[in-house]
Amino acid sequence: MQYSIGKYEKLIRATVPVILNNNKQDSKLYLLLSFDIDSDVKYIIEKVLEYIEVNKENFDTKY
């Protein structure tokens, strides 16, 4: 799993793709995160990625 980070004047924004394998079909979700400019973004994103990996089965893609 990878992510993209964009740095702006007053904030940092990250996009994290979440790919789920449900019912023999891949589903893509995107988690959009915003951070204060002085945040430890890499550390926070790594923790979020760990949480997503452990809890993937709890994501519901049915609308």
C-alpha atoms as a PDB file:
ATOM      1  CA  MET A   1       0.000   0.000   0.000  1.00  0.00           C
ATOM      2  CA  GLN A   2       1.345   3.400  -0.954  1.00  0.00           C
ATOM      3  CA  TYR A   3       0.274   6.968  -0.422  1.00  0.00           C
ATOM      4  CA  SER A   4       0.644  10.423  -1.921  1.00  0.00           C
ATOM      5  CA  ILE A   5       1.466  13.594   0.007  1.00  0.00           C
ATOM      6  CA  GLY A   6       0.972  17.184  -1.124  1.00  0.00           C
ATOM      7  CA  LYS A   7       2.375  20.128   0.812  1.00  0.00           C
ATOM      8  CA  TYR A   8       0.503  23.424   0.681  1.00  0.00           C
ATOM      9  CA  GLU A   9       1.139  26.763   2.336  1.00  0.00           C
ATOM     10  CA  LYS A  10      -0.835  26.011   5.524  1.00  0.00           C
ATOM     11  CA  LEU A  11      -1.441  22.249   5.460  1.00  0.00           C
ATOM     12  CA  ILE A  12      -0.278  18.874   4.261  1.00  0.00           C
ATOM     13  CA  ARG A  13      -2.700  16.587   2.470  1.00  0.00           C
ATOM     14  CA  ALA A  14      -2.330  12.831   1.966  1.00  0.00           C
ATOM     15  CA  THR A  15      -4.277  10.389  -0.197  1.00  0.00           C
ATOM     16  CA  VAL A  16      -4.157   6.730   0.815  1.00  0.00           C
ATOM     17  CA  PRO A  17      -5.669   4.100  -1.513  1.00  0.00           C
ATOM     18  CA  VAL A  18      -7.356   1.201   0.270  1.00  0.00           C
ATOM     19  CA  ILE A  19      -7.844  -1.882  -1.920  1.00  0.00           C
ATOM     20  CA  LEU A  20     -10.243  -4.487  -0.563  1.00  0.00           C
ATOM     21  CA  ASN A  21     -10.806  -7.997  -1.857  1.00  0.00           C
ATOM     22  CA  ASN A  22     -14.509  -8.626  -1.236  1.00  0.00           C
ATOM     23  CA  ASN A  23     -16.543 -11.335  -2.925  1.00  0.00           C
ATOM     24  CA  LYS A  24     -13.863 -12.148  -5.506  1.00  0.00           C
ATOM     25  CA  GLN A  25     -13.894  -8.521  -6.640  1.00  0.00           C
ATOM     26  CA  ASP A  26     -11.458  -5.745  -5.779  1.00  0.00           C
ATOM     27  CA  SER A  27     -12.933  -2.538  -4.387  1.00  0.00           C
ATOM     28  CA  LYS A  28     -10.972   0.703  -4.164  1.00  0.00           C
ATOM     29  CA  LEU A  29     -11.525   3.309  -1.514  1.00  0.00           C
ATOM     30  CA  TYR A  30      -9.500   6.474  -0.990  1.00  0.00           C
ATOM     31  CA  LEU A  31      -8.753   7.903   2.430  1.00  0.00           C
ATOM     32  CA  LEU A  32      -8.086  11.649   2.279  1.00  0.00           C
ATOM     33  CA  LEU A  33      -6.189  13.109   5.228  1.00  0.00           C
ATOM     34  CA  SER A  34      -5.238  16.681   6.121  1.00  0.00           C
ATOM     35  CA  PHE A  35      -2.529  17.652   8.595  1.00  0.00           C
ATOM     36  CA  ASP A  36      -1.191  20.799  10.184  1.00  0.00           C
ATOM     37  CA  ILE A  37       2.028  21.920   8.551  1.00  0.00           C
ATOM     38  CA  ASP A  38       4.119  20.979  11.626  1.00  0.00           C
ATOM     39  CA  SER A  39       2.681  17.450  12.002  1.00  0.00           C
ATOM     40  CA  ASP A  40       4.776  14.289  11.887  1.00  0.00           C
ATOM     41  CA  VAL A  41       2.943  13.142   8.764  1.00  0.00           C
ATOM     42  CA  LYS A  42       5.051  10.072   7.958  1.00  0.00           C
ATOM     43  CA  TYR A  43       4.621   8.656  11.472  1.00  0.00           C
ATOM     44  CA  ILE A  44       0.846   9.259  11.465  1.00  0.00           C
ATOM     45  CA  ILE A  45       0.363   7.755   8.001  1.00  0.00           C
ATOM     46  CA  GLU A  46       2.369   4.659   8.933  1.00  0.00           C
ATOM     47  CA  LYS A  47       0.102   4.165  11.978  1.00  0.00           C
ATOM     48  CA  VAL A  48      -3.007   4.653   9.801  1.00  0.00           C
ATOM     49  CA  LEU A  49      -1.685   2.101   7.276  1.00  0.00           C
ATOM     50  CA  GLU A  50      -1.124  -0.419  10.083  1.00  0.00           C
ATOM     51  CA  TYR A  51      -4.680   0.135  11.344  1.00  0.00           C
ATOM     52  CA  ILE A  52      -6.150  -0.275   7.858  1.00  0.00           C
ATOM     53  CA  GLU A  53      -4.232  -3.495   7.250  1.00  0.00           C
ATOM     54  CA  VAL A  54      -5.410  -5.029  10.538  1.00  0.00           C
ATOM     55  CA  ASN A  55      -9.043  -3.935  10.066  1.00  0.00           C
ATOM     56  CA  LYS A  56      -9.641  -4.415   6.324  1.00  0.00           C
ATOM     57  CA  GLU A  57     -12.355  -7.012   6.916  1.00  0.00           C
ATOM     58  CA  ASN A  58     -14.416  -4.377   8.747  1.00  0.00           C
ATOM     59  CA  PHE A  59     -14.688  -2.057   5.758  1.00  0.00           C
ATOM     60  CA  ASP A  60     -18.103  -2.274   4.107  1.00  0.00           C
ATOM     61  CA  THR A  61     -18.190  -1.316   0.428  1.00  0.00           C
ATOM     62  CA  LYS A  62     -21.934  -1.831  -0.042  1.00  0.00           C
ATOM     63  CA  TYR A  63     -23.793   1.423  -0.639  1.00  0.00           C
END
